């Protein structure tokens, strides 16, 4: 008997949802509203990875049989972490 586990997107990013749908996935969107605190001793990549994991683990508590996709984006300018994007991403080619 084949088991189908529910795919959960732990993000309210419309772009992440669009990307998953483009590859034929139909995730359930369950945004995670945990505090997003940056650790200044970590690189931007490490902070983004840590926040994505924290979100996925938080949502996994409610969906123990699900496959959880956690992701995070941090805007960085000249090595300084500015935080979350506040405007929609520009279209490709811009």
C-alpha atoms as a PDB file:
ATOM      1  CA  UNK A   1       0.000   0.000   0.000  1.00  0.00           C
ATOM      2  CA  UNK A   2       1.429   3.376  -1.032  1.00  0.00           C
ATOM      3  CA  UNK A   3       1.445   6.133   1.555  1.00  0.00           C
ATOM      4  CA  UNK A   4       0.963   9.759   0.505  1.00  0.00           C
ATOM      5  CA  UNK A   5       2.178  12.308   2.986  1.00  0.00           C
ATOM      6  CA  UNK A   6       0.808  15.814   2.924  1.00  0.00           C
ATOM      7  CA  UNK A   7       3.186  18.514   1.623  1.00  0.00           C
ATOM      8  CA  UNK A   8       3.152  21.587   3.866  1.00  0.00           C
ATOM      9  CA  UNK A   9       4.685  24.927   2.872  1.00  0.00           C
ATOM     10  CA  UNK A  10       5.650  26.769   6.073  1.00  0.00           C
ATOM     11  CA  UNK A  11       5.643  30.137   4.330  1.00  0.00           C
ATOM     12  CA  UNK A  12       3.183  32.677   3.011  1.00  0.00           C
ATOM     13  CA  UNK A  13       5.496  33.513   0.091  1.00  0.00           C
ATOM     14  CA  UNK A  14       3.470  33.521  -3.122  1.00  0.00           C
ATOM     15  CA  UNK A  15       6.679  32.941  -5.096  1.00  0.00           C
ATOM     16  CA  UNK A  16       7.557  29.767  -3.179  1.00  0.00           C
ATOM     17  CA  UNK A  17       4.020  28.478  -3.686  1.00  0.00           C
ATOM     18  CA  UNK A  18       4.231  29.287  -7.402  1.00  0.00           C
ATOM     19  CA  UNK A  19       7.562  27.442  -7.736  1.00  0.00           C
ATOM     20  CA  UNK A  20       6.172  24.312  -6.077  1.00  0.00           C
ATOM     21  CA  UNK A  21       3.075  24.400  -8.281  1.00  0.00           C
ATOM     22  CA  UNK A  22       5.281  24.756 -11.387  1.00  0.00           C
ATOM     23  CA  UNK A  23       6.854  21.395 -10.607  1.00  0.00           C
ATOM     24  CA  UNK A  24       3.466  19.749 -10.098  1.00  0.00           C
ATOM     25  CA  UNK A  25       3.232  19.962  -6.315  1.00  0.00           C
ATOM     26  CA  UNK A  26       0.102  21.041  -4.449  1.00  0.00           C
ATOM     27  CA  UNK A  27       1.210  22.045  -0.966  1.00  0.00           C
ATOM     28  CA  UNK A  28      -0.990  23.169   1.866  1.00  0.00           C
ATOM     29  CA  UNK A  29       0.161  26.629   2.962  1.00  0.00           C
ATOM     30  CA  UNK A  30       0.594  26.928   6.729  1.00  0.00           C
ATOM     31  CA  UNK A  31       2.407  30.183   7.506  1.00  0.00           C
ATOM     32  CA  UNK A  32       4.583  30.227  10.587  1.00  0.00           C
ATOM     33  CA  UNK A  33       4.448  33.383  12.676  1.00  0.00           C
ATOM     34  CA  UNK A  34       7.432  32.853  14.949  1.00  0.00           C
ATOM     35  CA  UNK A  35       9.679  35.756  15.950  1.00  0.00           C
ATOM     36  CA  UNK A  36      12.442  36.181  13.409  1.00  0.00           C
ATOM     37  CA  UNK A  37      15.554  37.185  15.298  1.00  0.00           C
ATOM     38  CA  UNK A  38      18.913  37.387  13.544  1.00  0.00           C
ATOM     39  CA  UNK A  39      22.058  36.173  15.266  1.00  0.00           C
ATOM     40  CA  UNK A  40      24.782  38.731  14.432  1.00  0.00           C
ATOM     41  CA  UNK A  41      27.483  36.078  14.925  1.00  0.00           C
ATOM     42  CA  UNK A  42      26.060  34.108  11.973  1.00  0.00           C
ATOM     43  CA  UNK A  43      26.338  34.817   8.268  1.00  0.00           C
ATOM     44  CA  UNK A  44      23.189  35.821   6.374  1.00  0.00           C
ATOM     45  CA  UNK A  45      23.066  32.309   4.871  1.00  0.00           C
ATOM     46  CA  UNK A  46      23.332  30.719   8.319  1.00  0.00           C
ATOM     47  CA  UNK A  47      20.593  32.997   9.671  1.00  0.00           C
ATOM     48  CA  UNK A  48      18.276  32.191   6.762  1.00  0.00           C
ATOM     49  CA  UNK A  49      18.915  28.451   7.158  1.00  0.00           C
ATOM     50  CA  UNK A  50      18.368  28.577  10.915  1.00  0.00           C
ATOM     51  CA  UNK A  51      15.097  30.503  10.556  1.00  0.00           C
ATOM     52  CA  UNK A  52      13.856  28.140   7.826  1.00  0.00           C
ATOM     53  CA  UNK A  53      14.591  25.134  10.033  1.00  0.00           C
ATOM     54  CA  UNK A  54      12.941  26.775  13.039  1.00  0.00           C
ATOM     55  CA  UNK A  55       9.794  27.442  10.983  1.00  0.00           C
ATOM     56  CA  UNK A  56       9.695  23.888   9.606  1.00  0.00           C
ATOM     57  CA  UNK A  57      10.138  22.333  13.058  1.00  0.00           C
ATOM     58  CA  UNK A  58       7.425  24.558  14.521  1.00  0.00           C
ATOM     59  CA  UNK A  59       4.901  23.590  11.822  1.00  0.00           C
ATOM     60  CA  UNK A  60       5.947  19.915  12.017  1.00  0.00           C
ATOM     61  CA  UNK A  61       4.546  19.794  15.560  1.00  0.00           C
ATOM     62  CA  UNK A  62       1.059  20.184  14.080  1.00  0.00           C
ATOM     63  CA  UNK A  63       1.684  17.924  11.059  1.00  0.00           C
ATOM     64  CA  UNK A  64       3.884  15.050  12.291  1.00  0.00           C
ATOM     65  CA  UNK A  65       3.153  12.921   9.202  1.00  0.00           C
ATOM     66  CA  UNK A  66       3.611  15.766   6.735  1.00  0.00           C
ATOM     67  CA  UNK A  67       6.572  16.743   4.615  1.00  0.00           C
ATOM     68  CA  UNK A  68       7.394  20.291   5.665  1.00  0.00           C
ATOM     69  CA  UNK A  69       9.076  22.847   3.394  1.00  0.00           C
ATOM     70  CA  UNK A  70      10.578  25.704   5.387  1.00  0.00           C
ATOM     71  CA  UNK A  71      12.376  28.609   3.730  1.00  0.00           C
ATOM     72  CA  UNK A  72      13.484  32.092   4.581  1.00  0.00           C
ATOM     73  CA  UNK A  73      14.769  35.159   2.759  1.00  0.00           C
ATOM     74  CA  UNK A  74      17.009  37.848   4.191  1.00  0.00           C
ATOM     75  CA  UNK A  75      17.961  40.966   2.265  1.00  0.00           C
ATOM     76  CA  UNK A  76      21.691  41.734   2.488  1.00  0.00           C
ATOM     77  CA  UNK A  77      23.405  44.872   1.220  1.00  0.00           C
ATOM     78  CA  UNK A  78      27.190  45.132   1.301  1.00  0.00           C
ATOM     79  CA  UNK A  79      27.365  42.455   3.988  1.00  0.00           C
ATOM     80  CA  UNK A  80      24.724  44.048   6.248  1.00  0.00           C
ATOM     81  CA  UNK A  81      21.578  42.045   7.002  1.00  0.00           C
ATOM     82  CA  UNK A  82      18.616  44.323   6.349  1.00  0.00           C
ATOM     83  CA  UNK A  83      15.932  41.768   7.109  1.00  0.00           C
ATOM     84  CA  UNK A  84      12.899  40.721   5.099  1.00  0.00           C
ATOM     85  CA  UNK A  85      12.118  42.017   1.628  1.00  0.00           C
ATOM     86  CA  UNK A  86       9.431  44.688   1.817  1.00  0.00           C
ATOM     87  CA  UNK A  87       8.550  44.893  -1.876  1.00  0.00           C
ATOM     88  CA  UNK A  88       7.724  42.167  -4.384  1.00  0.00           C
ATOM     89  CA  UNK A  89      10.673  40.719  -6.256  1.00  0.00           C
ATOM     90  CA  UNK A  90      11.354  42.248  -9.631  1.00  0.00           C
ATOM     91  CA  UNK A  91      10.413  40.154 -12.651  1.00  0.00           C
ATOM     92  CA  UNK A  92      13.151  38.115 -14.310  1.00  0.00           C
ATOM     93  CA  UNK A  93      15.328  40.062 -16.680  1.00  0.00           C
ATOM     94  CA  UNK A  94      15.157  43.336 -14.728  1.00  0.00           C
END
